[in-house]
Amino acid sequence: MQTEEMIAADEFCMYHQVELSFINSLKDSGLIEISIVEDKIFLPVSQLSHLERLVRLYYEMDINLEGIETITHLLQRMNDMQQQIRQLSNRLSRYEHD
């Protein structure tokens, strides 16, 4: 990835007043992806809203990393199921119009 599409992790941490170790923990848990360029950690801009949600869960709601992993997994399953429902609904509507 190019650094233009990324934000420095230390800048994100400073802005949100979180520890860099939290970012590393999220990466180790597989909840976010990071890139390292010249010994500096970068976060993809596309993940910022997801990362901000994780920060709120951890720091504001006091949910531990295991809880955040569970919540993230369940939300992903819900999104997948909603997408499947839309696809099935679209297929059904084709038959209803015949």
PDB file of N, CA and C in Angstrom:
ATOM      1  N   MET A   1       0.835  -1.182   0.000  1.00  0.00           N
ATOM      2  CA  MET A   1       0.000   0.000   0.000  1.00  0.00           C
ATOM      3  C   MET A   1       0.876   1.240   0.000  1.00  0.00           C
ATOM      4  N   GLN A   2       0.345   2.283  -0.557  1.00  0.00           N
ATOM      5  CA  GLN A   2       1.088   3.523  -0.594  1.00  0.00           C
ATOM      6  C   GLN A   2       0.815   4.320   0.679  1.00  0.00           C
ATOM      7  N   THR A   3       1.789   5.116   1.088  1.00  0.00           N
ATOM      8  CA  THR A   3       1.617   5.878   2.320  1.00  0.00           C
ATOM      9  C   THR A   3       0.594   6.998   2.166  1.00  0.00           C
ATOM     10  N   GLU A   4       0.255   7.414   0.939  1.00  0.00           N
ATOM     11  CA  GLU A   4      -0.770   8.433   0.767  1.00  0.00           C
ATOM     12  C   GLU A   4      -2.131   7.924   1.231  1.00  0.00           C
ATOM     13  N   GLU A   5      -2.352   6.631   1.153  1.00  0.00           N
ATOM     14  CA  GLU A   5      -3.617   6.017   1.544  1.00  0.00           C
ATOM     15  C   GLU A   5      -3.588   5.588   3.006  1.00  0.00           C
ATOM     16  N   MET A   6      -2.578   6.055   3.725  1.00  0.00           N
ATOM     17  CA  MET A   6      -2.380   5.587   5.081  1.00  0.00           C
ATOM     18  C   MET A   6      -2.165   6.769   6.015  1.00  0.00           C
ATOM     19  N   ILE A   7      -2.330   6.502   7.287  1.00  0.00           N
ATOM     20  CA  ILE A   7      -2.074   7.504   8.319  1.00  0.00           C
ATOM     21  C   ILE A   7      -1.096   6.889   9.313  1.00  0.00           C
ATOM     22  N   ALA A   8      -0.208   7.702   9.809  1.00  0.00           N
ATOM     23  CA  ALA A   8       0.770   7.214  10.785  1.00  0.00           C
ATOM     24  C   ALA A   8       0.041   6.828  12.074  1.00  0.00           C
ATOM     25  N   ALA A   9       0.377   5.661  12.599  1.00  0.00           N
ATOM     26  CA  ALA A   9      -0.282   5.161  13.803  1.00  0.00           C
ATOM     27  C   ALA A   9      -0.035   6.078  14.995  1.00  0.00           C
ATOM     28  N   ASP A  10       1.147   6.653  15.095  1.00  0.00           N
ATOM     29  CA  ASP A  10       1.419   7.530  16.229  1.00  0.00           C
ATOM     30  C   ASP A  10       0.572   8.798  16.180  1.00  0.00           C
ATOM     31  N   GLU A  11       0.266   9.294  14.970  1.00  0.00           N
ATOM     32  CA  GLU A  11      -0.623  10.450  14.836  1.00  0.00           C
ATOM     33  C   GLU A  11      -2.040  10.082  15.261  1.00  0.00           C
ATOM     34  N   PHE A  12      -2.506   8.896  14.828  1.00  0.00           N
ATOM     35  CA  PHE A  12      -3.831   8.431  15.222  1.00  0.00           C
ATOM     36  C   PHE A  12      -3.911   8.312  16.737  1.00  0.00           C
ATOM     37  N   CYS A  13      -2.884   7.720  17.333  1.00  0.00           N
ATOM     38  CA  CYS A  13      -2.858   7.524  18.787  1.00  0.00           C
ATOM     39  C   CYS A  13      -2.844   8.855  19.529  1.00  0.00           C
ATOM     40  N   MET A  14      -2.089   9.801  19.041  1.00  0.00           N
ATOM     41  CA  MET A  14      -2.015  11.094  19.688  1.00  0.00           C
ATOM     42  C   MET A  14      -3.369  11.811  19.603  1.00  0.00           C
ATOM     43  N   TYR A  15      -3.993  11.763  18.427  1.00  0.00           N
ATOM     44  CA  TYR A  15      -5.280  12.427  18.231  1.00  0.00           C
ATOM     45  C   TYR A  15      -6.360  11.815  19.114  1.00  0.00           C
ATOM     46  N   HIS A  16      -6.378  10.480  19.191  1.00  0.00           N
ATOM     47  CA  HIS A  16      -7.416   9.773  19.951  1.00  0.00           C
ATOM     48  C   HIS A  16      -7.004   9.474  21.393  1.00  0.00           C
ATOM     49  N   GLN A  17      -5.799   9.870  21.753  1.00  0.00           N
ATOM     50  CA  GLN A  17      -5.276   9.668  23.106  1.00  0.00           C
ATOM     51  C   GLN A  17      -5.329   8.200  23.519  1.00  0.00           C
ATOM     52  N   VAL A  18      -4.769   7.344  22.649  1.00  0.00           N
ATOM     53  CA  VAL A  18      -4.677   5.911  22.925  1.00  0.00           C
ATOM     54  C   VAL A  18      -3.216   5.495  22.844  1.00  0.00           C
ATOM     55  N   GLU A  19      -2.909   4.382  23.436  1.00  0.00           N
ATOM     56  CA  GLU A  19      -1.546   3.853  23.443  1.00  0.00           C
ATOM     57  C   GLU A  19      -1.260   3.112  22.138  1.00  0.00           C
ATOM     58  N   LEU A  20      -0.026   3.208  21.675  1.00  0.00           N
ATOM     59  CA  LEU A  20       0.388   2.473  20.478  1.00  0.00           C
ATOM     60  C   LEU A  20       0.317   0.967  20.725  1.00  0.00           C
ATOM     61  N   SER A  21       0.482   0.549  21.962  1.00  0.00           N
ATOM     62  CA  SER A  21       0.370  -0.876  22.296  1.00  0.00           C
ATOM     63  C   SER A  21      -1.041  -1.403  22.009  1.00  0.00           C
ATOM     64  N   PHE A  22      -2.049  -0.531  22.123  1.00  0.00           N
ATOM     65  CA  PHE A  22      -3.423  -0.934  21.787  1.00  0.00           C
ATOM     66  C   PHE A  22      -3.523  -1.265  20.300  1.00  0.00           C
ATOM     67  N   ILE A  23      -2.896  -0.446  19.456  1.00  0.00           N
ATOM     68  CA  ILE A  23      -2.895  -0.706  18.012  1.00  0.00           C
ATOM     69  C   ILE A  23      -2.213  -2.040  17.733  1.00  0.00           C
ATOM     70  N   ASN A  24      -1.095  -2.280  18.390  1.00  0.00           N
ATOM     71  CA  ASN A  24      -0.382  -3.547  18.213  1.00  0.00           C
ATOM     72  C   ASN A  24      -1.224  -4.729  18.686  1.00  0.00           C
ATOM     73  N   SER A  25      -1.962  -4.563  19.773  1.00  0.00           N
ATOM     74  CA  SER A  25      -2.837  -5.635  20.268  1.00  0.00           C
ATOM     75  C   SER A  25      -3.950  -5.942  19.271  1.00  0.00           C
ATOM     76  N   LEU A  26      -4.527  -4.904  18.681  1.00  0.00           N
ATOM     77  CA  LEU A  26      -5.573  -5.106  17.676  1.00  0.00           C
ATOM     78  C   LEU A  26      -5.013  -5.832  16.456  1.00  0.00           C
ATOM     79  N   LYS A  27      -3.794  -5.474  16.077  1.00  0.00           N
ATOM     80  CA  LYS A  27      -3.140  -6.138  14.946  1.00  0.00           C
ATOM     81  C   LYS A  27      -2.869  -7.601  15.273  1.00  0.00           C
ATOM     82  N   ASP A  28      -2.358  -7.864  16.486  1.00  0.00           N
ATOM     83  CA  ASP A  28      -2.073  -9.240  16.898  1.00  0.00           C
ATOM     84  C   ASP A  28      -3.341 -10.088  16.967  1.00  0.00           C
ATOM     85  N   SER A  29      -4.472  -9.451  17.274  1.00  0.00           N
ATOM     86  CA  SER A  29      -5.751 -10.157  17.341  1.00  0.00           C
ATOM     87  C   SER A  29      -6.378 -10.345  15.966  1.00  0.00           C
ATOM     88  N   GLY A  30      -5.793  -9.721  14.951  1.00  0.00           N
ATOM     89  CA  GLY A  30      -6.337  -9.833  13.608  1.00  0.00           C
ATOM     90  C   GLY A  30      -7.500  -8.894  13.336  1.00  0.00           C
ATOM     91  N   LEU A  31      -7.692  -7.905  14.198  1.00  0.00           N
ATOM     92  CA  LEU A  31      -8.817  -6.990  14.036  1.00  0.00           C
ATOM     93  C   LEU A  31      -8.520  -5.844  13.080  1.00  0.00           C
ATOM     94  N   ILE A  32      -7.241  -5.514  12.903  1.00  0.00           N
ATOM     95  CA  ILE A  32      -6.854  -4.471  11.960  1.00  0.00           C
ATOM     96  C   ILE A  32      -5.591  -4.917  11.234  1.00  0.00           C
ATOM     97  N   GLU A  33      -5.307  -4.233  10.147  1.00  0.00           N
ATOM     98  CA  GLU A  33      -4.069  -4.457   9.405  1.00  0.00           C
ATOM     99  C   GLU A  33      -3.223  -3.205   9.546  1.00  0.00           C
ATOM    100  N   ILE A  34      -1.931  -3.411   9.601  1.00  0.00           N
ATOM    101  CA  ILE A  34      -1.006  -2.285   9.634  1.00  0.00           C
ATOM    102  C   ILE A  34       0.067  -2.516   8.588  1.00  0.00           C
ATOM    103  N   SER A  35       0.757  -1.456   8.242  1.00  0.00           N
ATOM    104  CA  SER A  35       1.925  -1.550   7.363  1.00  0.00           C
ATOM    105  C   SER A  35       3.076  -0.861   8.067  1.00  0.00           C
ATOM    106  N   ILE A  36       4.255  -1.380   7.867  1.00  0.00           N
ATOM    107  CA  ILE A  36       5.443  -0.782   8.453  1.00  0.00           C
ATOM    108  C   ILE A  36       6.327  -0.285   7.318  1.00  0.00           C
ATOM    109  N   VAL A  37       6.587   1.016   7.348  1.00  0.00           N
ATOM    110  CA  VAL A  37       7.438   1.642   6.340  1.00  0.00           C
ATOM    111  C   VAL A  37       8.525   2.399   7.082  1.00  0.00           C
ATOM    112  N   GLU A  38       9.759   2.023   6.827  1.00  0.00           N
ATOM    113  CA  GLU A  38      10.911   2.658   7.465  1.00  0.00           C
ATOM    114  C   GLU A  38      10.746   2.701   8.991  1.00  0.00           C
ATOM    115  N   ASP A  39      10.427   1.575   9.577  1.00  0.00           N
ATOM    116  CA  ASP A  39      10.256   1.408  11.027  1.00  0.00           C
ATOM    117  C   ASP A  39       9.136   2.259  11.614  1.00  0.00           C
ATOM    118  N   LYS A  40       8.215   2.707  10.792  1.00  0.00           N
ATOM    119  CA  LYS A  40       7.075   3.492  11.263  1.00  0.00           C
ATOM    120  C   LYS A  40       5.793   2.746  10.910  1.00  0.00           C
ATOM    121  N   ILE A  41       4.856   2.688  11.848  1.00  0.00           N
ATOM    122  CA  ILE A  41       3.609   1.956  11.660  1.00  0.00           C
ATOM    123  C   ILE A  41       2.580   2.868  11.008  1.00  0.00           C
ATOM    124  N   PHE A  42       1.928   2.339   9.975  1.00  0.00           N
ATOM    125  CA  PHE A  42       0.877   3.078   9.273  1.00  0.00           C
ATOM    126  C   PHE A  42      -0.413   2.268   9.274  1.00  0.00           C
ATOM    127  N   LEU A  43      -1.530   2.994   9.292  1.00  0.00           N
ATOM    128  CA  LEU A  43      -2.862   2.400   9.272  1.00  0.00           C
ATOM    129  C   LEU A  43      -3.564   2.790   7.980  1.00  0.00           C
ATOM    130  N   PRO A  44      -4.208   1.847   7.299  1.00  0.00           N
ATOM    131  CA  PRO A  44      -4.945   2.200   6.083  1.00  0.00           C
ATOM    132  C   PRO A  44      -6.103   3.150   6.410  1.00  0.00           C
ATOM    133  N   VAL A  45      -6.256   4.184   5.613  1.00  0.00           N
ATOM    134  CA  VAL A  45      -7.334   5.145   5.819  1.00  0.00           C
ATOM    135  C   VAL A  45      -8.691   4.452   5.753  1.00  0.00           C
ATOM    136  N   SER A  46      -8.797   3.421   4.931  1.00  0.00           N
ATOM    137  CA  SER A  46     -10.063   2.699   4.784  1.00  0.00           C
ATOM    138  C   SER A  46     -10.503   2.019   6.085  1.00  0.00           C
ATOM    139  N   GLN A  47      -9.585   1.808   7.032  1.00  0.00           N
ATOM    140  CA  GLN A  47      -9.912   1.149   8.297  1.00  0.00           C
ATOM    141  C   GLN A  47     -10.176   2.130   9.443  1.00  0.00           C
ATOM    142  N   LEU A  48     -10.060   3.429   9.180  1.00  0.00           N
ATOM    143  CA  LEU A  48     -10.146   4.393  10.275  1.00  0.00           C
ATOM    144  C   LEU A  48     -11.471   4.357  11.013  1.00  0.00           C
ATOM    145  N   SER A  49     -12.593   4.283  10.308  1.00  0.00           N
ATOM    146  CA  SER A  49     -13.883   4.260  11.007  1.00  0.00           C
ATOM    147  C   SER A  49     -14.014   2.992  11.853  1.00  0.00           C
ATOM    148  N   HIS A  50     -13.544   1.871  11.325  1.00  0.00           N
ATOM    149  CA  HIS A  50     -13.563   0.612  12.079  1.00  0.00           C
ATOM    150  C   HIS A  50     -12.669   0.727  13.318  1.00  0.00           C
ATOM    151  N   LEU A  51     -11.489   1.296  13.137  1.00  0.00           N
ATOM    152  CA  LEU A  51     -10.547   1.461  14.237  1.00  0.00           C
ATOM    153  C   LEU A  51     -11.099   2.402  15.303  1.00  0.00           C
ATOM    154  N   GLU A  52     -11.752   3.482  14.883  1.00  0.00           N
ATOM    155  CA  GLU A  52     -12.352   4.404  15.845  1.00  0.00           C
ATOM    156  C   GLU A  52     -13.454   3.719  16.643  1.00  0.00           C
ATOM    157  N   ARG A  53     -14.205   2.831  15.995  1.00  0.00           N
ATOM    158  CA  ARG A  53     -15.244   2.063  16.688  1.00  0.00           C
ATOM    159  C   ARG A  53     -14.605   1.151  17.743  1.00  0.00           C
ATOM    160  N   LEU A  54     -13.484   0.520  17.391  1.00  0.00           N
ATOM    161  CA  LEU A  54     -12.781  -0.351  18.331  1.00  0.00           C
ATOM    162  C   LEU A  54     -12.234   0.443  19.512  1.00  0.00           C
ATOM    163  N   VAL A  55     -11.743   1.644  19.248  1.00  0.00           N
ATOM    164  CA  VAL A  55     -11.244   2.512  20.323  1.00  0.00           C
ATOM    165  C   VAL A  55     -12.377   2.840  21.288  1.00  0.00           C
ATOM    166  N   ARG A  56     -13.542   3.176  20.758  1.00  0.00           N
ATOM    167  CA  ARG A  56     -14.695   3.491  21.629  1.00  0.00           C
ATOM    168  C   ARG A  56     -15.091   2.280  22.467  1.00  0.00           C
ATOM    169  N   LEU A  57     -15.118   1.096  21.859  1.00  0.00           N
ATOM    170  CA  LEU A  57     -15.486  -0.107  22.610  1.00  0.00           C
ATOM    171  C   LEU A  57     -14.514  -0.353  23.761  1.00  0.00           C
ATOM    172  N   TYR A  58     -13.237  -0.173  23.492  1.00  0.00           N
ATOM    173  CA  TYR A  58     -12.214  -0.494  24.478  1.00  0.00           C
ATOM    174  C   TYR A  58     -12.103   0.577  25.561  1.00  0.00           C
ATOM    175  N   TYR A  59     -11.997   1.817  25.154  1.00  0.00           N
ATOM    176  CA  TYR A  59     -11.719   2.882  26.120  1.00  0.00           C
ATOM    177  C   TYR A  59     -12.986   3.474  26.750  1.00  0.00           C
ATOM    178  N   GLU A  60     -14.041   3.635  25.983  1.00  0.00           N
ATOM    179  CA  GLU A  60     -15.241   4.260  26.526  1.00  0.00           C
ATOM    180  C   GLU A  60     -16.200   3.246  27.160  1.00  0.00           C
ATOM    181  N   MET A  61     -16.282   2.058  26.574  1.00  0.00           N
ATOM    182  CA  MET A  61     -17.216   1.052  27.078  1.00  0.00           C
ATOM    183  C   MET A  61     -16.514  -0.002  27.921  1.00  0.00           C
ATOM    184  N   ASP A  62     -15.191   0.100  28.024  1.00  0.00           N
ATOM    185  CA  ASP A  62     -14.392  -0.792  28.860  1.00  0.00           C
ATOM    186  C   ASP A  62     -14.585  -2.271  28.503  1.00  0.00           C
ATOM    187  N   ILE A  63     -14.604  -2.551  27.197  1.00  0.00           N
ATOM    188  CA  ILE A  63     -14.726  -3.930  26.709  1.00  0.00           C
ATOM    189  C   ILE A  63     -13.324  -4.431  26.381  1.00  0.00           C
ATOM    190  N   ASN A  64     -12.975  -5.604  26.893  1.00  0.00           N
ATOM    191  CA  ASN A  64     -11.627  -6.136  26.665  1.00  0.00           C
ATOM    192  C   ASN A  64     -11.470  -6.640  25.229  1.00  0.00           C
ATOM    193  N   LEU A  65     -10.237  -6.985  24.858  1.00  0.00           N
ATOM    194  CA  LEU A  65      -9.963  -7.394  23.474  1.00  0.00           C
ATOM    195  C   LEU A  65     -10.748  -8.636  23.060  1.00  0.00           C
ATOM    196  N   GLU A  66     -10.915  -9.579  23.975  1.00  0.00           N
ATOM    197  CA  GLU A  66     -11.680 -10.788  23.649  1.00  0.00           C
ATOM    198  C   GLU A  66     -13.130 -10.434  23.353  1.00  0.00           C
ATOM    199  N   GLY A  67     -13.678  -9.504  24.118  1.00  0.00           N
ATOM    200  CA  GLY A  67     -15.048  -9.045  23.877  1.00  0.00           C
ATOM    201  C   GLY A  67     -15.163  -8.320  22.547  1.00  0.00           C
ATOM    202  N   ILE A  68     -14.161  -7.512  22.233  1.00  0.00           N
ATOM    203  CA  ILE A  68     -14.157  -6.789  20.962  1.00  0.00           C
ATOM    204  C   ILE A  68     -14.071  -7.775  19.798  1.00  0.00           C
ATOM    205  N   GLU A  69     -13.252  -8.813  19.946  1.00  0.00           N
ATOM    206  CA  GLU A  69     -13.166  -9.842  18.898  1.00  0.00           C
ATOM    207  C   GLU A  69     -14.527 -10.496  18.686  1.00  0.00           C
ATOM    208  N   THR A  70     -15.205 -10.822  19.771  1.00  0.00           N
ATOM    209  CA  THR A  70     -16.520 -11.455  19.683  1.00  0.00           C
ATOM    210  C   THR A  70     -17.530 -10.532  19.033  1.00  0.00           C
ATOM    211  N   ILE A  71     -17.563  -9.285  19.454  1.00  0.00           N
ATOM    212  CA  ILE A  71     -18.498  -8.312  18.888  1.00  0.00           C
ATOM    213  C   ILE A  71     -18.238  -8.136  17.395  1.00  0.00           C
ATOM    214  N   THR A  72     -16.978  -8.004  17.013  1.00  0.00           N
ATOM    215  CA  THR A  72     -16.618  -7.826  15.614  1.00  0.00           C
ATOM    216  C   THR A  72     -17.049  -9.032  14.788  1.00  0.00           C
ATOM    217  N   HIS A  73     -16.817 -10.225  15.322  1.00  0.00           N
ATOM    218  CA  HIS A  73     -17.206 -11.453  14.617  1.00  0.00           C
ATOM    219  C   HIS A  73     -18.725 -11.511  14.431  1.00  0.00           C
ATOM    220  N   LEU A  74     -19.471 -11.207  15.487  1.00  0.00           N
ATOM    221  CA  LEU A  74     -20.934 -11.256  15.396  1.00  0.00           C
ATOM    222  C   LEU A  74     -21.483 -10.205  14.438  1.00  0.00           C
ATOM    223  N   LEU A  75     -20.909  -9.002  14.453  1.00  0.00           N
ATOM    224  CA  LEU A  75     -21.345  -7.965  13.522  1.00  0.00           C
ATOM    225  C   LEU A  75     -21.073  -8.371  12.080  1.00  0.00           C
ATOM    226  N   GLN A  76     -19.927  -9.011  11.836  1.00  0.00           N
ATOM    227  CA  GLN A  76     -19.618  -9.480  10.488  1.00  0.00           C
ATOM    228  C   GLN A  76     -20.603 -10.558  10.052  1.00  0.00           C
ATOM    229  N   ARG A  77     -20.944 -11.454  10.955  1.00  0.00           N
ATOM    230  CA  ARG A  77     -21.937 -12.495  10.628  1.00  0.00           C
ATOM    231  C   ARG A  77     -23.292 -11.880  10.317  1.00  0.00           C
ATOM    232  N   MET A  78     -23.679 -10.856  11.096  1.00  0.00           N
ATOM    233  CA  MET A  78     -24.955 -10.173  10.837  1.00  0.00           C
ATOM    234  C   MET A  78     -24.943  -9.506   9.462  1.00  0.00           C
ATOM    235  N   ASN A  79     -23.851  -8.837   9.120  1.00  0.00           N
ATOM    236  CA  ASN A  79     -23.752  -8.191   7.808  1.00  0.00           C
ATOM    237  C   ASN A  79     -23.826  -9.213   6.686  1.00  0.00           C
ATOM    238  N   ASP A  80     -23.148 -10.348   6.871  1.00  0.00           N
ATOM    239  CA  ASP A  80     -23.190 -11.412   5.865  1.00  0.00           C
ATOM    240  C   ASP A  80     -24.616 -11.941   5.703  1.00  0.00           C
ATOM    241  N   MET A  81     -25.308 -12.127   6.811  1.00  0.00           N
ATOM    242  CA  MET A  81     -26.681 -12.630   6.756  1.00  0.00           C
ATOM    243  C   MET A  81     -27.618 -11.611   6.110  1.00  0.00           C
ATOM    244  N   GLN A  82     -27.433 -10.320   6.390  1.00  0.00           N
ATOM    245  CA  GLN A  82     -28.251  -9.289   5.761  1.00  0.00           C
ATOM    246  C   GLN A  82     -28.035  -9.271   4.253  1.00  0.00           C
ATOM    247  N   GLN A  83     -26.791  -9.436   3.835  1.00  0.00           N
ATOM    248  CA  GLN A  83     -26.489  -9.485   2.407  1.00  0.00           C
ATOM    249  C   GLN A  83     -27.150 -10.708   1.772  1.00  0.00           C
ATOM    250  N   GLN A  84     -27.099 -11.829   2.455  1.00  0.00           N
ATOM    251  CA  GLN A  84     -27.726 -13.046   1.928  1.00  0.00           C
ATOM    252  C   GLN A  84     -29.242 -12.874   1.834  1.00  0.00           C
ATOM    253  N   ILE A  85     -29.839 -12.228   2.818  1.00  0.00           N
ATOM    254  CA  ILE A  85     -31.288 -11.975   2.790  1.00  0.00           C
ATOM    255  C   ILE A  85     -31.641 -11.095   1.601  1.00  0.00           C
ATOM    256  N   ARG A  86     -30.837 -10.047   1.341  1.00  0.00           N
ATOM    257  CA  ARG A  86     -31.095  -9.178   0.185  1.00  0.00           C
ATOM    258  C   ARG A  86     -31.007  -9.958  -1.119  1.00  0.00           C
ATOM    259  N   GLN A  87     -29.995 -10.823  -1.229  1.00  0.00           N
ATOM    260  CA  GLN A  87     -29.839 -11.613  -2.447  1.00  0.00           C
ATOM    261  C   GLN A  87     -31.027 -12.548  -2.638  1.00  0.00           C
ATOM    262  N   LEU A  88     -31.447 -13.201  -1.572  1.00  0.00           N
ATOM    263  CA  LEU A  88     -32.590 -14.111  -1.660  1.00  0.00           C
ATOM    264  C   LEU A  88     -33.872 -13.355  -1.978  1.00  0.00           C
ATOM    265  N   SER A  89     -34.011 -12.179  -1.392  1.00  0.00           N
ATOM    266  CA  SER A  89     -35.187 -11.359  -1.659  1.00  0.00           C
ATOM    267  C   SER A  89     -35.228 -10.922  -3.119  1.00  0.00           C
ATOM    268  N   ASN A  90     -34.074 -10.559  -3.659  1.00  0.00           N
ATOM    269  CA  ASN A  90     -34.008 -10.176  -5.077  1.00  0.00           C
ATOM    270  C   ASN A  90     -34.350 -11.351  -5.981  1.00  0.00           C
ATOM    271  N   ARG A  91     -33.860 -12.530  -5.640  1.00  0.00           N
ATOM    272  CA  ARG A  91     -34.177 -13.722  -6.433  1.00  0.00           C
ATOM    273  C   ARG A  91     -35.652 -14.048  -6.353  1.00  0.00           C
ATOM    274  N   LEU A  92     -36.222 -13.902  -5.171  1.00  0.00           N
ATOM    275  CA  LEU A  92     -37.644 -14.183  -4.991  1.00  0.00           C
ATOM    276  C   LEU A  92     -38.502 -13.198  -5.769  1.00  0.00           C
ATOM    277  N   SER A  93     -38.102 -11.946  -5.777  1.00  0.00           N
ATOM    278  CA  SER A  93     -38.908 -10.942  -6.484  1.00  0.00           C
ATOM    279  C   SER A  93     -38.934 -11.208  -7.983  1.00  0.00           C
ATOM    280  N   ARG A  94     -37.883 -11.814  -8.527  1.00  0.00           N
ATOM    281  CA  ARG A  94     -37.894 -12.175  -9.949  1.00  0.00           C
ATOM    282  C   ARG A  94     -39.003 -13.184 -10.240  1.00  0.00           C
ATOM    283  N   TYR A  95     -39.194 -14.136  -9.350  1.00  0.00           N
ATOM    284  CA  TYR A  95     -40.227 -15.152  -9.546  1.00  0.00           C
ATOM    285  C   TYR A  95     -41.622 -14.600  -9.313  1.00  0.00           C
ATOM    286  N   GLU A  96     -41.753 -13.646  -8.456  1.00  0.00           N
ATOM    287  CA  GLU A  96     -43.061 -13.057  -8.154  1.00  0.00           C
ATOM    288  C   GLU A  96     -43.581 -12.229  -9.306  1.00  0.00           C
ATOM    289  N   HIS A  97     -42.696 -11.663 -10.132  1.00  0.00           N
ATOM    290  CA  HIS A  97     -43.116 -10.820 -11.237  1.00  0.00           C
ATOM    291  C   HIS A  97     -43.509 -11.629 -12.470  1.00  0.00           C
ATOM    292  N   ASP A  98     -43.217 -12.909 -12.482  1.00  0.00           N
ATOM    293  CA  ASP A  98     -43.578 -13.758 -13.645  1.00  0.00           C
ATOM    294  C   ASP A  98     -44.992 -14.208 -13.604  1.00  0.00           C
TER     295      ASP A  98
END
